[in-house]
Each structure stands twice: as C-alpha cells, then as structure tokens.
C-alpha cells in the first residue's frame, strides 16, 4: 500500500506534513477525500471539470508521473493558487506501489 505525504501550507510560521496509507488504483484526490484531508476540495468529484484538487508534486516525484493530458493541462489554467512546475490535479494521479513515498504540497487555497 503506497504512502503519500501531504505538505500543508505554512500557518503561524509552521508547516505540517500529513501521511496517508492509500489503496493502489485509487486517485490521489479520492484517497485525500476519503481520509478527510483538509486542502483538497474536489468539487467535481474527479471528473476533470474543476481545479479544486490542485497539488504541487515535489521533485523527484513530478518526473515519475505520466505526463498530464491536454485536458488536465487546460484545467490547470483555472487553479486558484499560482501554477508551479509540479502542478497537477490530484484526480488525475493514480496511486500505485511505484508511487510509495509520493510527496505533494497543498496550495493555500483551492478557491
């Protein structure tokens, strides 16, 4: 079972990391929603029609993921927080054993 590490936005000068053990085959977004993780709104439920599950995939993990589809790239234009090189929509990241240790940062806002 892959473990994913979520870096929460800094608050009061402190940054917290939360780790989740996830089911292979589910999306990163679904794993976060199922765990009640704050920071991923997932308004569209993973249908690629919003950008409220935006994450910043940390190096070297960004290079290990399959490239974003043209639809995902287009939807990333609508993120509330600035897009960064590792920007992805968590609904488009399918978890696997190869992603054990995946680390993503959550933006300060999804709206």
PDB file of N, CA and C in Angstrom:
ATOM      1  N   UNK A   1       0.851  -1.175   0.000  1.00  0.00           N
ATOM      2  CA  UNK A   1       0.000   0.000   0.000  1.00  0.00           C
ATOM      3  C   UNK A   1       0.897   1.239   0.000  1.00  0.00           C
ATOM      4  N   UNK A   2       0.724   2.110  -0.992  1.00  0.00           N
ATOM      5  CA  UNK A   2       1.585   3.293  -1.052  1.00  0.00           C
ATOM      6  C   UNK A   2       1.249   4.312   0.037  1.00  0.00           C
ATOM      7  N   UNK A   3       2.281   4.931   0.538  1.00  0.00           N
ATOM      8  CA  UNK A   3       2.129   6.033   1.482  1.00  0.00           C
ATOM      9  C   UNK A   3       2.397   7.325   0.738  1.00  0.00           C
ATOM     10  N   UNK A   4       1.498   8.298   0.934  1.00  0.00           N
ATOM     11  CA  UNK A   4       1.636   9.615   0.307  1.00  0.00           C
ATOM     12  C   UNK A   4       1.791  10.645   1.410  1.00  0.00           C
ATOM     13  N   UNK A   5       2.700  11.594   1.201  1.00  0.00           N
ATOM     14  CA  UNK A   5       2.964  12.656   2.169  1.00  0.00           C
ATOM     15  C   UNK A   5       2.425  13.978   1.619  1.00  0.00           C
ATOM     16  N   UNK A   6       1.558  14.626   2.395  1.00  0.00           N
ATOM     17  CA  UNK A   6       0.967  15.906   2.022  1.00  0.00           C
ATOM     18  C   UNK A   6       1.593  16.997   2.885  1.00  0.00           C
ATOM     19  N   UNK A   7       2.159  17.997   2.241  1.00  0.00           N
ATOM     20  CA  UNK A   7       2.737  19.139   2.949  1.00  0.00           C
ATOM     21  C   UNK A   7       1.678  20.232   2.976  1.00  0.00           C
ATOM     22  N   UNK A   8       1.228  20.565   4.171  1.00  0.00           N
ATOM     23  CA  UNK A   8       0.194  21.592   4.320  1.00  0.00           C
ATOM     24  C   UNK A   8       0.820  22.987   4.233  1.00  0.00           C
ATOM     25  N   UNK A   9       0.031  23.978   3.808  1.00  0.00           N
ATOM     26  CA  UNK A   9       0.556  25.355   3.751  1.00  0.00           C
ATOM     27  C   UNK A   9       1.021  25.816   5.133  1.00  0.00           C
ATOM     28  N   UNK A  10       2.000  26.656   5.128  1.00  0.00           N
ATOM     29  CA  UNK A  10       2.547  27.184   6.377  1.00  0.00           C
ATOM     30  C   UNK A  10       1.494  28.018   7.092  1.00  0.00           C
ATOM     31  N   UNK A  11       1.369  27.794   8.402  1.00  0.00           N
ATOM     32  CA  UNK A  11       0.470  28.582   9.256  1.00  0.00           C
ATOM     33  C   UNK A  11       1.227  28.959  10.510  1.00  0.00           C
ATOM     34  N   UNK A  12       1.183  30.233  10.848  1.00  0.00           N
ATOM     35  CA  UNK A  12       1.854  30.736  12.043  1.00  0.00           C
ATOM     36  C   UNK A  12       3.329  30.339  12.082  1.00  0.00           C
ATOM     37  N   UNK A  13       3.958  30.370  10.898  1.00  0.00           N
ATOM     38  CA  UNK A  13       5.370  30.075  10.811  1.00  0.00           C
ATOM     39  C   UNK A  13       5.716  28.599  10.897  1.00  0.00           C
ATOM     40  N   UNK A  14       4.701  27.738  10.893  1.00  0.00           N
ATOM     41  CA  UNK A  14       4.950  26.303  10.989  1.00  0.00           C
ATOM     42  C   UNK A  14       4.324  25.581   9.806  1.00  0.00           C
ATOM     43  N   UNK A  15       4.993  24.549   9.368  1.00  0.00           N
ATOM     44  CA  UNK A  15       4.497  23.741   8.261  1.00  0.00           C
ATOM     45  C   UNK A  15       4.324  22.313   8.745  1.00  0.00           C
ATOM     46  N   UNK A  16       3.184  21.723   8.422  1.00  0.00           N
ATOM     47  CA  UNK A  16       2.893  20.353   8.862  1.00  0.00           C
ATOM     48  C   UNK A  16       2.842  19.418   7.664  1.00  0.00           C
ATOM     49  N   UNK A  17       3.237  18.188   7.895  1.00  0.00           N
ATOM     50  CA  UNK A  17       3.129  17.144   6.882  1.00  0.00           C
ATOM     51  C   UNK A  17       2.222  16.057   7.435  1.00  0.00           C
ATOM     52  N   UNK A  18       1.332  15.579   6.576  1.00  0.00           N
ATOM     53  CA  UNK A  18       0.417  14.506   6.949  1.00  0.00           C
ATOM     54  C   UNK A  18       0.638  13.349   5.985  1.00  0.00           C
ATOM     55  N   UNK A  19       0.776  12.152   6.493  1.00  0.00           N
ATOM     56  CA  UNK A  19       0.998  10.972   5.654  1.00  0.00           C
ATOM     57  C   UNK A  19      -0.230  10.086   5.669  1.00  0.00           C
ATOM     58  N   UNK A  20      -0.573   9.555   4.490  1.00  0.00           N
ATOM     59  CA  UNK A  20      -1.716   8.654   4.345  1.00  0.00           C
ATOM     60  C   UNK A  20      -1.272   7.368   3.678  1.00  0.00           C
ATOM     61  N   UNK A  21      -1.740   6.255   4.181  1.00  0.00           N
ATOM     62  CA  UNK A  21      -1.556   4.972   3.513  1.00  0.00           C
ATOM     63  C   UNK A  21      -2.776   4.818   2.603  1.00  0.00           C
ATOM     64  N   UNK A  22      -2.522   4.588   1.312  1.00  0.00           N
ATOM     65  CA  UNK A  22      -3.580   4.626   0.302  1.00  0.00           C
ATOM     66  C   UNK A  22      -3.713   3.299  -0.430  1.00  0.00           C
ATOM     67  N   UNK A  23      -4.860   3.109  -1.053  1.00  0.00           N
ATOM     68  CA  UNK A  23      -5.111   1.900  -1.838  1.00  0.00           C
ATOM     69  C   UNK A  23      -4.543   2.080  -3.242  1.00  0.00           C
ATOM     70  N   UNK A  24      -3.784   1.116  -3.727  1.00  0.00           N
ATOM     71  CA  UNK A  24      -3.336   1.186  -5.121  1.00  0.00           C
ATOM     72  C   UNK A  24      -4.551   1.194  -6.050  1.00  0.00           C
ATOM     73  N   UNK A  25      -4.454   1.970  -7.120  1.00  0.00           N
ATOM     74  CA  UNK A  25      -5.529   2.044  -8.101  1.00  0.00           C
ATOM     75  C   UNK A  25      -6.489   3.197  -7.892  1.00  0.00           C
ATOM     76  N   UNK A  26      -6.503   3.788  -6.707  1.00  0.00           N
ATOM     77  CA  UNK A  26      -7.378   4.935  -6.499  1.00  0.00           C
ATOM     78  C   UNK A  26      -6.629   6.214  -6.838  1.00  0.00           C
ATOM     79  N   UNK A  27      -7.392   7.261  -7.071  1.00  0.00           N
ATOM     80  CA  UNK A  27      -6.741   8.537  -7.365  1.00  0.00           C
ATOM     81  C   UNK A  27      -6.240   9.168  -6.074  1.00  0.00           C
ATOM     82  N   UNK A  28      -5.244  10.010  -6.211  1.00  0.00           N
ATOM     83  CA  UNK A  28      -4.721  10.755  -5.071  1.00  0.00           C
ATOM     84  C   UNK A  28      -5.835  11.595  -4.456  1.00  0.00           C
ATOM     85  N   UNK A  29      -6.674  12.193  -5.292  1.00  0.00           N
ATOM     86  CA  UNK A  29      -7.792  13.001  -4.811  1.00  0.00           C
ATOM     87  C   UNK A  29      -8.739  12.161  -3.956  1.00  0.00           C
ATOM     88  N   UNK A  30      -9.097  10.973  -4.443  1.00  0.00           N
ATOM     89  CA  UNK A  30     -10.041  10.130  -3.703  1.00  0.00           C
ATOM     90  C   UNK A  30      -9.454   9.689  -2.378  1.00  0.00           C
ATOM     91  N   UNK A  31      -8.175   9.374  -2.355  1.00  0.00           N
ATOM     92  CA  UNK A  31      -7.523   8.989  -1.102  1.00  0.00           C
ATOM     93  C   UNK A  31      -7.591  10.135  -0.096  1.00  0.00           C
ATOM     94  N   UNK A  32      -7.349  11.354  -0.560  1.00  0.00           N
ATOM     95  CA  UNK A  32      -7.391  12.520   0.330  1.00  0.00           C
ATOM     96  C   UNK A  32      -8.806  12.780   0.829  1.00  0.00           C
ATOM     97  N   UNK A  33      -9.782  12.704  -0.060  1.00  0.00           N
ATOM     98  CA  UNK A  33     -11.175  12.933   0.321  1.00  0.00           C
ATOM     99  C   UNK A  33     -11.635  11.857   1.316  1.00  0.00           C
ATOM    100  N   UNK A  34     -11.325  10.597   1.027  1.00  0.00           N
ATOM    101  CA  UNK A  34     -11.723   9.502   1.925  1.00  0.00           C
ATOM    102  C   UNK A  34     -11.140   9.682   3.324  1.00  0.00           C
ATOM    103  N   UNK A  35      -9.951  10.268   3.410  1.00  0.00           N
ATOM    104  CA  UNK A  35      -9.295  10.474   4.702  1.00  0.00           C
ATOM    105  C   UNK A  35      -9.715  11.783   5.373  1.00  0.00           C
ATOM    106  N   UNK A  36     -10.559  12.587   4.693  1.00  0.00           N
ATOM    107  CA  UNK A  36     -10.982  13.864   5.264  1.00  0.00           C
ATOM    108  C   UNK A  36      -9.873  14.893   5.310  1.00  0.00           C
ATOM    109  N   UNK A  37      -8.903  14.766   4.416  1.00  0.00           N
ATOM    110  CA  UNK A  37      -7.763  15.674   4.384  1.00  0.00           C
ATOM    111  C   UNK A  37      -8.205  17.090   4.024  1.00  0.00           C
ATOM    112  N   UNK A  38      -7.847  18.056   4.842  1.00  0.00           N
ATOM    113  CA  UNK A  38      -8.140  19.452   4.534  1.00  0.00           C
ATOM    114  C   UNK A  38      -7.197  19.913   3.434  1.00  0.00           C
ATOM    115  N   UNK A  39      -7.715  20.694   2.502  1.00  0.00           N
ATOM    116  CA  UNK A  39      -6.863  21.277   1.470  1.00  0.00           C
ATOM    117  C   UNK A  39      -7.169  20.802   0.071  1.00  0.00           C
ATOM    118  N   UNK A  40      -7.955  19.741  -0.065  1.00  0.00           N
ATOM    119  CA  UNK A  40      -8.393  19.286  -1.382  1.00  0.00           C
ATOM    120  C   UNK A  40      -9.915  19.309  -1.361  1.00  0.00           C
ATOM    121  N   UNK A  41     -10.496  20.237  -2.140  1.00  0.00           N
ATOM    122  CA  UNK A  41     -11.949  20.405  -2.137  1.00  0.00           C
ATOM    123  C   UNK A  41     -12.645  19.362  -3.011  1.00  0.00           C
ATOM    124  N   UNK A  42     -12.095  19.083  -4.189  1.00  0.00           N
ATOM    125  CA  UNK A  42     -12.639  18.057  -5.089  1.00  0.00           C
ATOM    126  C   UNK A  42     -14.105  18.292  -5.434  1.00  0.00           C
ATOM    127  N   UNK A  43     -14.434  19.514  -5.783  1.00  0.00           N
ATOM    128  CA  UNK A  43     -15.823  19.868  -6.053  1.00  0.00           C
ATOM    129  C   UNK A  43     -16.481  19.020  -7.137  1.00  0.00           C
ATOM    130  N   UNK A  44     -15.747  18.651  -8.172  1.00  0.00           N
ATOM    131  CA  UNK A  44     -16.358  17.896  -9.279  1.00  0.00           C
ATOM    132  C   UNK A  44     -16.291  16.392  -9.058  1.00  0.00           C
ATOM    133  N   UNK A  45     -15.683  15.957  -7.968  1.00  0.00           N
ATOM    134  CA  UNK A  45     -15.616  14.539  -7.667  1.00  0.00           C
ATOM    135  C   UNK A  45     -14.668  13.752  -8.541  1.00  0.00           C
ATOM    136  N   UNK A  46     -13.774  14.441  -9.233  1.00  0.00           N
ATOM    137  CA  UNK A  46     -12.776  13.744 -10.045  1.00  0.00           C
ATOM    138  C   UNK A  46     -13.130  13.612 -11.504  1.00  0.00           C
ATOM    139  N   UNK A  47     -14.058  14.438 -11.983  1.00  0.00           N
ATOM    140  CA  UNK A  47     -14.473  14.353 -13.385  1.00  0.00           C
ATOM    141  C   UNK A  47     -13.703  15.302 -14.301  1.00  0.00           C
ATOM    142  N   UNK A  48     -12.679  15.940 -13.778  1.00  0.00           N
ATOM    143  CA  UNK A  48     -11.817  16.845 -14.551  1.00  0.00           C
ATOM    144  C   UNK A  48     -12.584  18.052 -15.094  1.00  0.00           C
ATOM    145  N   UNK A  49     -13.508  18.566 -14.264  1.00  0.00           N
ATOM    146  CA  UNK A  49     -14.273  19.746 -14.671  1.00  0.00           C
ATOM    147  C   UNK A  49     -14.099  20.910 -13.703  1.00  0.00           C
ATOM    148  N   UNK A  50     -13.149  20.792 -12.789  1.00  0.00           N
ATOM    149  CA  UNK A  50     -12.808  21.903 -11.901  1.00  0.00           C
ATOM    150  C   UNK A  50     -11.320  21.798 -11.621  1.00  0.00           C
ATOM    151  N   UNK A  51     -10.805  22.666 -10.809  1.00  0.00           N
ATOM    152  CA  UNK A  51      -9.383  22.607 -10.475  1.00  0.00           C
ATOM    153  C   UNK A  51      -9.199  22.696  -8.969  1.00  0.00           C
ATOM    154  N   UNK A  52     -10.166  22.136  -8.221  1.00  0.00           N
ATOM    155  CA  UNK A  52     -10.125  22.255  -6.761  1.00  0.00           C
ATOM    156  C   UNK A  52      -9.442  21.076  -6.075  1.00  0.00           C
ATOM    157  N   UNK A  53      -8.657  20.332  -6.846  1.00  0.00           N
ATOM    158  CA  UNK A  53      -7.837  19.264  -6.247  1.00  0.00           C
ATOM    159  C   UNK A  53      -6.377  19.467  -6.651  1.00  0.00           C
ATOM    160  N   UNK A  54      -6.028  20.724  -6.905  1.00  0.00           N
ATOM    161  CA  UNK A  54      -4.687  21.122  -7.331  1.00  0.00           C
ATOM    162  C   UNK A  54      -3.668  20.787  -6.245  1.00  0.00           C
ATOM    163  N   UNK A  55      -2.562  20.185  -6.654  1.00  0.00           N
ATOM    164  CA  UNK A  55      -1.429  19.927  -5.761  1.00  0.00           C
ATOM    165  C   UNK A  55      -0.140  20.283  -6.494  1.00  0.00           C
ATOM    166  N   UNK A  56       0.911  20.489  -5.728  1.00  0.00           N
ATOM    167  CA  UNK A  56       2.245  20.710  -6.286  1.00  0.00           C
ATOM    168  C   UNK A  56       3.064  19.468  -5.979  1.00  0.00           C
ATOM    169  N   UNK A  57       3.286  18.642  -6.990  1.00  0.00           N
ATOM    170  CA  UNK A  57       4.060  17.417  -6.823  1.00  0.00           C
ATOM    171  C   UNK A  57       5.524  17.806  -6.659  1.00  0.00           C
ATOM    172  N   UNK A  58       6.131  17.295  -5.609  1.00  0.00           N
ATOM    173  CA  UNK A  58       7.510  17.661  -5.280  1.00  0.00           C
ATOM    174  C   UNK A  58       8.508  16.824  -6.083  1.00  0.00           C
ATOM    175  N   UNK A  59       9.665  17.432  -6.396  1.00  0.00           N
ATOM    176  CA  UNK A  59      10.721  16.661  -7.055  1.00  0.00           C
ATOM    177  C   UNK A  59      11.204  15.585  -6.086  1.00  0.00           C
ATOM    178  N   UNK A  60      11.625  14.460  -6.539  1.00  0.00           N
ATOM    179  CA  UNK A  60      11.715  13.999  -7.927  1.00  0.00           C
ATOM    180  C   UNK A  60      10.434  13.321  -8.408  1.00  0.00           C
ATOM    181  N   UNK A  61       9.383  13.371  -7.607  1.00  0.00           N
ATOM    182  CA  UNK A  61       8.145  12.662  -7.938  1.00  0.00           C
ATOM    183  C   UNK A  61       7.484  13.179  -9.202  1.00  0.00           C
ATOM    184  N   UNK A  62       7.560  14.465  -9.458  1.00  0.00           N
ATOM    185  CA  UNK A  62       6.904  15.030 -10.649  1.00  0.00           C
ATOM    186  C   UNK A  62       7.391  14.343 -11.924  1.00  0.00           C
ATOM    187  N   UNK A  63       8.667  14.019 -11.962  1.00  0.00           N
ATOM    188  CA  UNK A  63       9.237  13.386 -13.151  1.00  0.00           C
ATOM    189  C   UNK A  63       8.829  11.914 -13.272  1.00  0.00           C
ATOM    190  N   UNK A  64       8.370  11.329 -12.193  1.00  0.00           N
ATOM    191  CA  UNK A  64       7.996   9.906 -12.192  1.00  0.00           C
ATOM    192  C   UNK A  64       6.553   9.681 -12.646  1.00  0.00           C
ATOM    193  N   UNK A  65       5.767  10.743 -12.677  1.00  0.00           N
ATOM    194  CA  UNK A  65       4.366  10.607 -13.071  1.00  0.00           C
ATOM    195  C   UNK A  65       4.232  10.635 -14.592  1.00  0.00           C
ATOM    196  N   UNK A  66       3.195   9.989 -15.109  1.00  0.00           N
ATOM    197  CA  UNK A  66       2.931  10.134 -16.548  1.00  0.00           C
ATOM    198  C   UNK A  66       2.630  11.603 -16.849  1.00  0.00           C
ATOM    199  N   UNK A  67       2.888  12.054 -18.064  1.00  0.00           N
ATOM    200  CA  UNK A  67       2.600  13.452 -18.388  1.00  0.00           C
ATOM    201  C   UNK A  67       1.109  13.766 -18.248  1.00  0.00           C
ATOM    202  N   UNK A  68       0.827  15.002 -17.942  1.00  0.00           N
ATOM    203  CA  UNK A  68      -0.571  15.458 -17.872  1.00  0.00           C
ATOM    204  C   UNK A  68      -1.184  15.396 -19.266  1.00  0.00           C
ATOM    205  N   UNK A  69      -2.455  15.023 -19.297  1.00  0.00           N
ATOM    206  CA  UNK A  69      -3.175  15.009 -20.574  1.00  0.00           C
ATOM    207  C   UNK A  69      -3.465  16.448 -21.001  1.00  0.00           C
ATOM    208  N   UNK A  70      -3.766  16.680 -22.260  1.00  0.00           N
ATOM    209  CA  UNK A  70      -4.139  18.033 -22.689  1.00  0.00           C
ATOM    210  C   UNK A  70      -5.325  18.590 -21.893  1.00  0.00           C
ATOM    211  N   UNK A  71      -6.270  17.731 -21.514  1.00  0.00           N
ATOM    212  CA  UNK A  71      -7.427  18.187 -20.735  1.00  0.00           C
ATOM    213  C   UNK A  71      -6.997  18.660 -19.352  1.00  0.00           C
ATOM    214  N   UNK A  72      -6.082  17.933 -18.729  1.00  0.00           N
ATOM    215  CA  UNK A  72      -5.595  18.348 -17.416  1.00  0.00           C
ATOM    216  C   UNK A  72      -4.814  19.650 -17.524  1.00  0.00           C
ATOM    217  N   UNK A  73      -3.962  19.754 -18.520  1.00  0.00           N
ATOM    218  CA  UNK A  73      -3.188  20.984 -18.723  1.00  0.00           C
ATOM    219  C   UNK A  73      -4.131  22.173 -18.886  1.00  0.00           C
ATOM    220  N   UNK A  74      -5.190  21.990 -19.646  1.00  0.00           N
ATOM    221  CA  UNK A  74      -6.170  23.057 -19.853  1.00  0.00           C
ATOM    222  C   UNK A  74      -6.850  23.442 -18.538  1.00  0.00           C
ATOM    223  N   UNK A  75      -7.245  22.457 -17.743  1.00  0.00           N
ATOM    224  CA  UNK A  75      -7.923  22.736 -16.481  1.00  0.00           C
ATOM    225  C   UNK A  75      -6.983  23.395 -15.471  1.00  0.00           C
ATOM    226  N   UNK A  76      -5.693  23.124 -15.552  1.00  0.00           N
ATOM    227  CA  UNK A  76      -4.732  23.752 -14.645  1.00  0.00           C
ATOM    228  C   UNK A  76      -4.660  25.262 -14.824  1.00  0.00           C
ATOM    229  N   UNK A  77      -5.190  25.768 -15.918  1.00  0.00           N
ATOM    230  CA  UNK A  77      -5.247  27.222 -16.131  1.00  0.00           C
ATOM    231  C   UNK A  77      -6.214  27.890 -15.154  1.00  0.00           C
ATOM    232  N   UNK A  78      -7.066  27.104 -14.504  1.00  0.00           N
ATOM    233  CA  UNK A  78      -8.110  27.654 -13.637  1.00  0.00           C
ATOM    234  C   UNK A  78      -7.832  27.472 -12.152  1.00  0.00           C
ATOM    235  N   UNK A  79      -6.602  27.132 -11.782  1.00  0.00           N
ATOM    236  CA  UNK A  79      -6.296  26.954 -10.361  1.00  0.00           C
ATOM    237  C   UNK A  79      -6.329  28.287  -9.631  1.00  0.00           C
ATOM    238  N   UNK A  80      -6.775  28.238  -8.375  1.00  0.00           N
ATOM    239  CA  UNK A  80      -6.844  29.457  -7.568  1.00  0.00           C
ATOM    240  C   UNK A  80      -5.461  29.917  -7.133  1.00  0.00           C
ATOM    241  N   UNK A  81      -4.591  28.975  -6.827  1.00  0.00           N
ATOM    242  CA  UNK A  81      -3.221  29.297  -6.428  1.00  0.00           C
ATOM    243  C   UNK A  81      -2.325  29.202  -7.653  1.00  0.00           C
ATOM    244  N   UNK A  82      -1.275  29.996  -7.694  1.00  0.00           N
ATOM    245  CA  UNK A  82      -0.415  30.017  -8.878  1.00  0.00           C
ATOM    246  C   UNK A  82       0.094  28.633  -9.262  1.00  0.00           C
ATOM    247  N   UNK A  83       0.115  28.411 -10.546  1.00  0.00           N
ATOM    248  CA  UNK A  83       0.633  27.166 -11.090  1.00  0.00           C
ATOM    249  C   UNK A  83       2.147  27.143 -10.921  1.00  0.00           C
ATOM    250  N   UNK A  84       2.683  25.976 -10.589  1.00  0.00           N
ATOM    251  CA  UNK A  84       4.120  25.786 -10.434  1.00  0.00           C
ATOM    252  C   UNK A  84       4.557  24.627 -11.323  1.00  0.00           C
ATOM    253  N   UNK A  85       5.859  24.429 -11.498  1.00  0.00           N
ATOM    254  CA  UNK A  85       6.309  23.337 -12.374  1.00  0.00           C
ATOM    255  C   UNK A  85       5.716  21.973 -12.030  1.00  0.00           C
ATOM    256  N   UNK A  86       5.488  21.668 -10.769  1.00  0.00           N
ATOM    257  CA  UNK A  86       4.931  20.380 -10.382  1.00  0.00           C
ATOM    258  C   UNK A  86       3.417  20.367 -10.247  1.00  0.00           C
ATOM    259  N   UNK A  87       2.735  21.395 -10.737  1.00  0.00           N
ATOM    260  CA  UNK A  87       1.280  21.464 -10.602  1.00  0.00           C
ATOM    261  C   UNK A  87       0.593  20.319 -11.328  1.00  0.00           C
ATOM    262  N   UNK A  88      -0.284  19.652 -10.598  1.00  0.00           N
ATOM    263  CA  UNK A  88      -1.111  18.586 -11.167  1.00  0.00           C
ATOM    264  C   UNK A  88      -2.465  18.617 -10.464  1.00  0.00           C
ATOM    265  N   UNK A  89      -3.438  18.003 -11.098  1.00  0.00           N
ATOM    266  CA  UNK A  89      -4.731  17.791 -10.457  1.00  0.00           C
ATOM    267  C   UNK A  89      -4.683  16.401  -9.842  1.00  0.00           C
ATOM    268  N   UNK A  90      -4.947  16.330  -8.548  1.00  0.00           N
ATOM    269  CA  UNK A  90      -4.796  15.052  -7.850  1.00  0.00           C
ATOM    270  C   UNK A  90      -5.787  14.001  -8.325  1.00  0.00           C
ATOM    271  N   UNK A  91      -6.864  14.407  -8.981  1.00  0.00           N
ATOM    272  CA  UNK A  91      -7.812  13.427  -9.518  1.00  0.00           C
ATOM    273  C   UNK A  91      -7.217  12.670 -10.703  1.00  0.00           C
ATOM    274  N   UNK A  92      -6.135  13.175 -11.260  1.00  0.00           N
ATOM    275  CA  UNK A  92      -5.519  12.562 -12.429  1.00  0.00           C
ATOM    276  C   UNK A  92      -4.276  11.741 -12.082  1.00  0.00           C
ATOM    277  N   UNK A  93      -3.984  11.600 -10.803  1.00  0.00           N
ATOM    278  CA  UNK A  93      -2.834  10.812 -10.360  1.00  0.00           C
ATOM    279  C   UNK A  93      -3.351   9.502  -9.774  1.00  0.00           C
ATOM    280  N   UNK A  94      -3.083   8.406 -10.457  1.00  0.00           N
ATOM    281  CA  UNK A  94      -3.495   7.087  -9.992  1.00  0.00           C
ATOM    282  C   UNK A  94      -2.372   6.502  -9.143  1.00  0.00           C
ATOM    283  N   UNK A  95      -2.720   6.130  -7.936  1.00  0.00           N
ATOM    284  CA  UNK A  95      -1.721   5.634  -6.999  1.00  0.00           C
ATOM    285  C   UNK A  95      -1.345   4.184  -7.294  1.00  0.00           C
ATOM    286  N   UNK A  96      -0.066   3.880  -7.087  1.00  0.00           N
ATOM    287  CA  UNK A  96       0.466   2.535  -7.289  1.00  0.00           C
ATOM    288  C   UNK A  96       1.614   2.328  -6.311  1.00  0.00           C
ATOM    289  N   UNK A  97       2.066   1.099  -6.213  1.00  0.00           N
ATOM    290  CA  UNK A  97       3.201   0.801  -5.335  1.00  0.00           C
ATOM    291  C   UNK A  97       4.443   1.595  -5.755  1.00  0.00           C
ATOM    292  N   UNK A  98       4.573   1.876  -7.040  1.00  0.00           N
ATOM    293  CA  UNK A  98       5.724   2.645  -7.541  1.00  0.00           C
ATOM    294  C   UNK A  98       5.714   4.078  -7.012  1.00  0.00           C
ATOM    295  N   UNK A  99       4.556   4.546  -6.542  1.00  0.00           N
ATOM    296  CA  UNK A  99       4.461   5.906  -6.009  1.00  0.00           C
ATOM    297  C   UNK A  99       4.526   5.937  -4.482  1.00  0.00           C
ATOM    298  N   UNK A 100       4.965   4.839  -3.877  1.00  0.00           N
ATOM    299  CA  UNK A 100       5.128   4.810  -2.432  1.00  0.00           C
ATOM    300  C   UNK A 100       6.143   5.870  -2.026  1.00  0.00           C
ATOM    301  N   UNK A 101       5.714   6.805  -1.180  1.00  0.00           N
ATOM    302  CA  UNK A 101       6.575   7.907  -0.758  1.00  0.00           C
ATOM    303  C   UNK A 101       6.286   9.210  -1.488  1.00  0.00           C
ATOM    304  N   UNK A 102       5.340   9.178  -2.429  1.00  0.00           N
ATOM    305  CA  UNK A 102       4.967  10.392  -3.175  1.00  0.00           C
ATOM    306  C   UNK A 102       4.742  11.546  -2.210  1.00  0.00           C
ATOM    307  N   UNK A 103       5.306  12.701  -2.550  1.00  0.00           N
ATOM    308  CA  UNK A 103       5.170  13.882  -1.705  1.00  0.00           C
ATOM    309  C   UNK A 103       4.580  15.016  -2.529  1.00  0.00           C
ATOM    310  N   UNK A 104       3.496  15.603  -2.012  1.00  0.00           N
ATOM    311  CA  UNK A 104       2.838  16.723  -2.683  1.00  0.00           C
ATOM    312  C   UNK A 104       2.600  17.836  -1.681  1.00  0.00           C
ATOM    313  N   UNK A 105       2.681  19.063  -2.157  1.00  0.00           N
ATOM    314  CA  UNK A 105       2.354  20.221  -1.318  1.00  0.00           C
ATOM    315  C   UNK A 105       0.971  20.703  -1.701  1.00  0.00           C
ATOM    316  N   UNK A 106       0.222  21.096  -0.672  1.00  0.00           N
ATOM    317  CA  UNK A 106      -1.113  21.631  -0.888  1.00  0.00           C
ATOM    318  C   UNK A 106      -1.042  23.139  -1.003  1.00  0.00           C
ATOM    319  N   UNK A 107      -1.734  23.718  -1.986  1.00  0.00           N
ATOM    320  CA  UNK A 107      -1.742  25.175  -2.093  1.00  0.00           C
ATOM    321  C   UNK A 107      -2.537  25.810  -0.943  1.00  0.00           C
ATOM    322  N   UNK A 108      -2.331  27.087  -0.710  1.00  0.00           N
ATOM    323  CA  UNK A 108      -3.039  27.736   0.401  1.00  0.00           C
ATOM    324  C   UNK A 108      -4.557  27.814   0.204  1.00  0.00           C
ATOM    325  N   UNK A 109      -4.995  27.748  -1.058  1.00  0.00           N
ATOM    326  CA  UNK A 109      -6.432  27.822  -1.311  1.00  0.00           C
ATOM    327  C   UNK A 109      -6.770  27.097  -2.604  1.00  0.00           C
ATOM    328  N   UNK A 110      -7.948  26.489  -2.648  1.00  0.00           N
ATOM    329  CA  UNK A 110      -8.460  25.895  -3.872  1.00  0.00           C
ATOM    330  C   UNK A 110      -9.502  26.802  -4.529  1.00  0.00           C
ATOM    331  N   UNK A 111      -9.831  27.948  -3.875  1.00  0.00           N
ATOM    332  CA  UNK A 111     -10.837  28.869  -4.404  1.00  0.00           C
ATOM    333  C   UNK A 111     -10.260  30.250  -4.565  1.00  0.00           C
TER     334      UNK A 111
END
